[in-house]
């Protein structure tokens, strides 16, 4: 079944009161209700119903969308110290970097595996 709406006069923009918006949103999201049925019943756009629902939820919870930005941008000219590491270069062929948080037994096993005494 198709649905056709014929607008013969100048375009109109309706203003819905908050009570009407709440009533339509409640009808659209009631248990067993279908949004498309409510859209046809009240002759309102589907996207508008979802927009009203977001507005009602924000009003009820007291929360609104917030964007957090840093107070001051981090200066790019501040040099960043490289992390501390233990670096071993063996015969110019192998380089081993060991973070200082590595347990001594693991560090010793890595050095031993490379064949360094």
N, C-alpha and C. Protein backbone atom coordinates (compact mmCIF):
# COMPACT_ATOMS: atom_id res chain seq x y z
N UNK A 1 0.84 -1.16 0.00
CA UNK A 1 0.00 0.00 0.00
C UNK A 1 0.89 1.23 0.00
N UNK A 2 0.69 2.13 -0.94
CA UNK A 2 1.51 3.33 -1.01
C UNK A 2 0.80 4.50 -0.34
N UNK A 3 1.57 5.48 0.02
CA UNK A 3 1.05 6.66 0.71
C UNK A 3 1.53 7.88 -0.05
N UNK A 4 0.62 8.72 -0.49
CA UNK A 4 0.95 9.91 -1.26
C UNK A 4 0.42 11.12 -0.52
N UNK A 5 1.26 12.15 -0.40
CA UNK A 5 0.84 13.41 0.21
C UNK A 5 0.92 14.48 -0.86
N UNK A 6 -0.14 15.19 -1.09
CA UNK A 6 -0.21 16.23 -2.10
C UNK A 6 -0.29 17.58 -1.41
N UNK A 7 0.72 18.42 -1.64
CA UNK A 7 0.74 19.76 -1.06
C UNK A 7 0.36 20.74 -2.16
N UNK A 8 -0.75 21.43 -1.99
CA UNK A 8 -1.23 22.33 -3.04
C UNK A 8 -0.96 23.79 -2.71
N UNK A 9 -0.78 24.12 -1.47
CA UNK A 9 -0.56 25.51 -1.08
C UNK A 9 0.91 25.79 -0.84
N UNK A 10 1.20 26.95 -0.30
CA UNK A 10 2.60 27.27 0.02
C UNK A 10 3.12 26.33 1.10
N UNK A 11 4.44 26.12 1.09
CA UNK A 11 5.04 25.22 2.07
C UNK A 11 4.79 25.76 3.46
N UNK A 12 4.48 24.88 4.37
CA UNK A 12 4.22 25.30 5.73
C UNK A 12 5.19 24.60 6.67
N UNK A 13 5.54 25.28 7.69
CA UNK A 13 6.39 24.71 8.73
C UNK A 13 5.62 24.79 10.03
N UNK A 14 5.29 23.64 10.54
CA UNK A 14 4.50 23.59 11.78
C UNK A 14 5.40 23.78 12.99
N UNK A 15 4.85 24.33 13.99
CA UNK A 15 5.53 24.48 15.28
C UNK A 15 4.84 23.56 16.26
N UNK A 16 5.59 22.63 16.82
CA UNK A 16 5.02 21.68 17.77
C UNK A 16 5.36 22.15 19.18
N UNK A 17 4.40 22.11 20.07
CA UNK A 17 4.65 22.47 21.47
C UNK A 17 5.41 21.31 22.12
N UNK A 18 6.01 21.60 23.27
CA UNK A 18 6.75 20.55 23.99
C UNK A 18 5.81 19.42 24.42
N UNK A 19 4.60 19.76 24.79
CA UNK A 19 3.64 18.74 25.20
C UNK A 19 3.31 17.82 24.02
N UNK A 20 3.10 18.43 22.84
CA UNK A 20 2.80 17.63 21.65
C UNK A 20 4.00 16.72 21.31
N UNK A 21 5.20 17.28 21.39
CA UNK A 21 6.39 16.49 21.09
C UNK A 21 6.49 15.30 22.03
N UNK A 22 6.32 15.54 23.32
CA UNK A 22 6.40 14.44 24.31
C UNK A 22 5.32 13.40 24.06
N UNK A 23 4.12 13.85 23.74
CA UNK A 23 3.02 12.92 23.48
C UNK A 23 3.30 12.06 22.25
N UNK A 24 3.83 12.67 21.18
CA UNK A 24 4.12 11.93 19.95
C UNK A 24 5.27 10.95 20.18
N UNK A 25 6.30 11.39 20.88
CA UNK A 25 7.44 10.50 21.18
C UNK A 25 6.98 9.32 22.04
N UNK A 26 6.14 9.59 23.02
CA UNK A 26 5.63 8.52 23.88
C UNK A 26 4.82 7.52 23.07
N UNK A 27 4.01 8.03 22.14
CA UNK A 27 3.21 7.14 21.30
C UNK A 27 4.09 6.32 20.37
N UNK A 28 5.15 6.92 19.85
CA UNK A 28 6.02 6.23 18.89
C UNK A 28 6.83 5.12 19.55
N UNK A 29 7.20 5.30 20.81
CA UNK A 29 8.07 4.32 21.46
C UNK A 29 7.35 3.55 22.58
N UNK A 30 6.05 3.55 22.53
CA UNK A 30 5.28 2.75 23.48
C UNK A 30 5.44 1.27 23.12
N UNK A 31 5.31 0.36 24.09
CA UNK A 31 5.44 -1.07 23.79
C UNK A 31 4.44 -1.50 22.71
N UNK A 32 4.95 -2.15 21.69
CA UNK A 32 4.11 -2.64 20.61
C UNK A 32 3.81 -1.62 19.54
N UNK A 33 4.25 -0.39 19.71
CA UNK A 33 3.99 0.66 18.71
C UNK A 33 5.04 0.63 17.62
N UNK A 34 4.68 1.12 16.46
CA UNK A 34 5.61 1.25 15.34
C UNK A 34 5.75 2.72 15.01
N UNK A 35 6.98 3.17 14.87
CA UNK A 35 7.23 4.58 14.58
C UNK A 35 6.54 4.99 13.29
N UNK A 36 6.57 4.13 12.29
CA UNK A 36 5.97 4.46 11.00
C UNK A 36 4.47 4.73 11.12
N UNK A 37 3.80 4.04 12.01
CA UNK A 37 2.36 4.25 12.23
C UNK A 37 2.11 5.62 12.84
N UNK A 38 2.93 5.99 13.81
CA UNK A 38 2.79 7.29 14.46
C UNK A 38 3.14 8.40 13.49
N UNK A 39 4.15 8.17 12.64
CA UNK A 39 4.53 9.16 11.63
C UNK A 39 3.35 9.47 10.73
N UNK A 40 2.68 8.46 10.28
CA UNK A 40 1.52 8.65 9.40
C UNK A 40 0.35 9.30 10.14
N UNK A 41 0.15 8.89 11.37
CA UNK A 41 -0.97 9.40 12.15
C UNK A 41 -0.84 10.92 12.39
N UNK A 42 0.36 11.37 12.74
CA UNK A 42 0.56 12.78 13.07
C UNK A 42 1.14 13.59 11.90
N UNK A 43 1.43 12.92 10.78
CA UNK A 43 1.99 13.58 9.60
C UNK A 43 3.25 14.37 9.96
N UNK A 44 4.21 13.64 10.51
CA UNK A 44 5.47 14.24 10.93
C UNK A 44 6.61 13.38 10.38
N UNK A 45 7.76 13.97 10.15
CA UNK A 45 8.91 13.24 9.60
C UNK A 45 9.48 12.29 10.65
N UNK A 46 9.94 11.13 10.19
CA UNK A 46 10.54 10.13 11.08
C UNK A 46 11.75 10.70 11.80
N UNK A 47 12.59 11.42 11.06
CA UNK A 47 13.80 11.97 11.67
C UNK A 47 13.47 12.95 12.79
N UNK A 48 12.36 13.64 12.66
CA UNK A 48 11.96 14.61 13.68
C UNK A 48 11.58 13.90 14.98
N UNK A 49 10.96 12.75 14.87
CA UNK A 49 10.60 11.99 16.07
C UNK A 49 11.85 11.56 16.82
N UNK A 50 12.86 11.07 16.09
CA UNK A 50 14.10 10.65 16.74
C UNK A 50 14.84 11.86 17.33
N UNK A 51 14.79 12.99 16.67
CA UNK A 51 15.42 14.21 17.21
C UNK A 51 14.73 14.62 18.50
N UNK A 52 13.39 14.59 18.51
CA UNK A 52 12.65 14.93 19.72
C UNK A 52 12.99 13.97 20.85
N UNK A 53 13.16 12.69 20.52
CA UNK A 53 13.49 11.70 21.57
C UNK A 53 14.85 12.03 22.20
N UNK A 54 15.83 12.40 21.38
CA UNK A 54 17.14 12.79 21.93
C UNK A 54 17.01 14.01 22.83
N UNK A 55 16.21 14.97 22.40
CA UNK A 55 16.01 16.19 23.19
C UNK A 55 15.34 15.87 24.52
N UNK A 56 14.32 15.04 24.49
CA UNK A 56 13.61 14.66 25.72
C UNK A 56 14.55 13.92 26.66
N UNK A 57 15.33 13.01 26.13
CA UNK A 57 16.27 12.26 26.98
C UNK A 57 17.29 13.19 27.62
N UNK A 58 17.83 14.13 26.84
CA UNK A 58 18.81 15.07 27.39
C UNK A 58 18.18 15.93 28.47
N UNK A 59 16.94 16.34 28.27
CA UNK A 59 16.24 17.16 29.25
C UNK A 59 15.96 16.37 30.53
N UNK A 60 15.61 15.09 30.39
CA UNK A 60 15.28 14.27 31.56
C UNK A 60 16.50 13.93 32.38
N UNK A 61 17.62 13.63 31.72
CA UNK A 61 18.82 13.24 32.45
C UNK A 61 19.62 14.43 32.93
N UNK A 62 19.39 15.59 32.35
CA UNK A 62 20.14 16.77 32.74
C UNK A 62 21.49 16.83 32.07
N UNK A 63 21.76 15.92 31.16
CA UNK A 63 23.03 15.91 30.47
C UNK A 63 22.86 16.45 29.06
N UNK A 64 23.88 17.08 28.58
CA UNK A 64 23.90 17.57 27.20
C UNK A 64 25.22 17.15 26.58
N UNK A 65 25.27 17.15 25.28
CA UNK A 65 26.50 16.77 24.60
C UNK A 65 27.59 17.80 24.89
N UNK A 66 28.77 17.32 25.26
CA UNK A 66 29.88 18.19 25.63
C UNK A 66 31.12 17.76 24.86
N UNK A 67 31.90 18.72 24.43
CA UNK A 67 33.17 18.44 23.77
C UNK A 67 34.26 18.98 24.68
N UNK A 68 35.21 18.13 25.04
CA UNK A 68 36.29 18.52 25.94
C UNK A 68 37.55 18.75 25.12
N UNK A 69 38.17 19.91 25.33
CA UNK A 69 39.42 20.23 24.65
C UNK A 69 40.45 20.57 25.71
N UNK A 70 41.72 20.36 25.42
CA UNK A 70 42.75 20.70 26.42
C UNK A 70 42.79 22.20 26.66
N UNK A 71 43.12 22.59 27.90
CA UNK A 71 43.17 24.00 28.27
C UNK A 71 44.25 24.73 27.48
N UNK A 72 45.41 24.11 27.36
CA UNK A 72 46.51 24.70 26.62
C UNK A 72 47.04 23.67 25.65
N UNK A 73 47.32 24.09 24.42
CA UNK A 73 47.94 23.13 23.50
C UNK A 73 49.37 22.82 23.95
N UNK A 74 49.78 21.60 23.76
CA UNK A 74 51.13 21.18 24.14
C UNK A 74 52.11 21.79 23.16
N UNK A 75 53.11 22.45 23.68
CA UNK A 75 54.10 23.11 22.83
C UNK A 75 54.93 22.06 22.09
N UNK A 76 55.05 22.25 20.79
CA UNK A 76 55.80 21.30 19.96
C UNK A 76 57.30 21.46 20.14
N UNK A 77 57.74 22.61 20.66
CA UNK A 77 59.17 22.86 20.77
C UNK A 77 59.78 22.25 22.03
N UNK A 78 58.97 21.71 22.92
CA UNK A 78 59.48 21.11 24.15
C UNK A 78 60.10 19.76 23.80
N UNK A 79 61.40 19.60 24.05
CA UNK A 79 62.02 18.32 23.72
C UNK A 79 61.53 17.22 24.65
N UNK A 80 61.28 16.07 24.09
CA UNK A 80 60.82 14.93 24.85
C UNK A 80 62.01 14.00 25.06
N UNK A 81 62.28 13.70 26.32
CA UNK A 81 63.40 12.82 26.63
C UNK A 81 63.08 11.40 26.18
N UNK A 82 64.03 10.76 25.51
CA UNK A 82 63.78 9.38 25.10
C UNK A 82 63.70 8.48 26.33
N UNK A 83 62.92 7.42 26.24
CA UNK A 83 62.82 6.52 27.40
C UNK A 83 64.18 5.89 27.69
N UNK A 84 64.46 5.71 28.98
CA UNK A 84 65.73 5.12 29.38
C UNK A 84 65.77 3.65 28.98
N UNK A 85 66.85 3.24 28.33
CA UNK A 85 67.04 1.85 27.94
C UNK A 85 68.49 1.47 28.13
N UNK A 86 68.71 0.19 28.26
CA UNK A 86 70.07 -0.35 28.27
C UNK A 86 70.32 -0.85 26.85
N UNK A 87 71.34 -0.28 26.20
CA UNK A 87 71.59 -0.63 24.81
C UNK A 87 72.97 -1.29 24.68
N UNK A 88 72.95 -2.47 24.08
CA UNK A 88 74.19 -3.20 23.84
C UNK A 88 74.38 -3.35 22.33
N UNK A 89 75.59 -3.00 21.87
CA UNK A 89 75.90 -3.22 20.46
C UNK A 89 77.03 -4.23 20.42
N UNK A 90 76.77 -5.31 19.69
CA UNK A 90 77.72 -6.43 19.69
C UNK A 90 78.39 -6.52 18.32
N UNK A 91 79.68 -6.25 18.29
CA UNK A 91 80.51 -6.36 17.09
C UNK A 91 79.93 -5.57 15.92
N UNK A 92 79.21 -4.52 16.20
CA UNK A 92 78.64 -3.69 15.15
C UNK A 92 77.57 -4.38 14.31
N UNK A 93 77.19 -5.59 14.69
CA UNK A 93 76.21 -6.35 13.91
C UNK A 93 74.85 -6.43 14.58
N UNK A 94 74.85 -6.54 15.88
CA UNK A 94 73.61 -6.75 16.62
C UNK A 94 73.46 -5.65 17.66
N UNK A 95 72.26 -5.10 17.74
CA UNK A 95 71.97 -4.09 18.76
C UNK A 95 70.81 -4.60 19.60
N UNK A 96 71.00 -4.61 20.90
CA UNK A 96 69.98 -5.10 21.83
C UNK A 96 69.61 -3.96 22.76
N UNK A 97 68.32 -3.63 22.79
CA UNK A 97 67.82 -2.59 23.69
C UNK A 97 66.94 -3.24 24.75
N UNK A 98 67.31 -3.02 25.99
CA UNK A 98 66.59 -3.64 27.10
C UNK A 98 66.02 -2.52 27.98
N UNK A 99 64.69 -2.47 28.13
CA UNK A 99 64.10 -1.46 29.03
C UNK A 99 64.52 -1.72 30.47
N UNK A 100 64.65 -0.68 31.27
CA UNK A 100 65.09 -0.87 32.66
C UNK A 100 64.09 -1.64 33.52
N UNK A 101 62.87 -1.80 33.05
CA UNK A 101 61.88 -2.55 33.83
C UNK A 101 61.99 -4.06 33.59
N UNK A 102 62.88 -4.46 32.69
CA UNK A 102 63.05 -5.89 32.40
C UNK A 102 63.69 -6.58 33.59
N UNK A 103 63.16 -7.72 34.02
CA UNK A 103 63.78 -8.45 35.13
C UNK A 103 65.20 -8.87 34.77
N UNK A 104 66.11 -8.82 35.74
CA UNK A 104 67.52 -9.14 35.48
C UNK A 104 67.72 -10.54 34.88
N UNK A 105 66.92 -11.51 35.30
CA UNK A 105 67.10 -12.86 34.77
C UNK A 105 66.75 -12.91 33.28
N UNK A 106 65.74 -12.17 32.87
CA UNK A 106 65.37 -12.13 31.46
C UNK A 106 66.43 -11.40 30.65
N UNK A 107 66.97 -10.30 31.17
CA UNK A 107 68.02 -9.56 30.47
C UNK A 107 69.26 -10.45 30.30
N UNK A 108 69.61 -11.19 31.35
CA UNK A 108 70.77 -12.09 31.27
C UNK A 108 70.53 -13.19 30.25
N UNK A 109 69.32 -13.72 30.18
CA UNK A 109 69.00 -14.77 29.22
C UNK A 109 69.09 -14.24 27.79
N UNK A 110 68.66 -12.99 27.55
CA UNK A 110 68.75 -12.41 26.21
C UNK A 110 70.20 -12.22 25.77
N UNK A 111 71.02 -11.73 26.70
CA UNK A 111 72.44 -11.54 26.38
C UNK A 111 73.11 -12.88 26.13
N UNK A 112 72.79 -13.87 26.92
CA UNK A 112 73.36 -15.21 26.77
C UNK A 112 72.94 -15.84 25.44
N UNK A 113 71.68 -15.60 25.03
CA UNK A 113 71.20 -16.15 23.77
C UNK A 113 71.95 -15.58 22.57
N UNK A 114 72.47 -14.36 22.71
CA UNK A 114 73.23 -13.76 21.62
C UNK A 114 74.68 -14.24 21.62
N UNK A 115 75.08 -14.97 22.63
CA UNK A 115 76.42 -15.55 22.67
C UNK A 115 77.47 -14.61 23.20
N UNK A 116 77.04 -13.64 24.03
CA UNK A 116 78.00 -12.69 24.61
C UNK A 116 78.32 -13.15 26.03
N UNK A 117 79.60 -13.16 26.37
CA UNK A 117 79.97 -13.57 27.72
C UNK A 117 80.40 -12.40 28.54
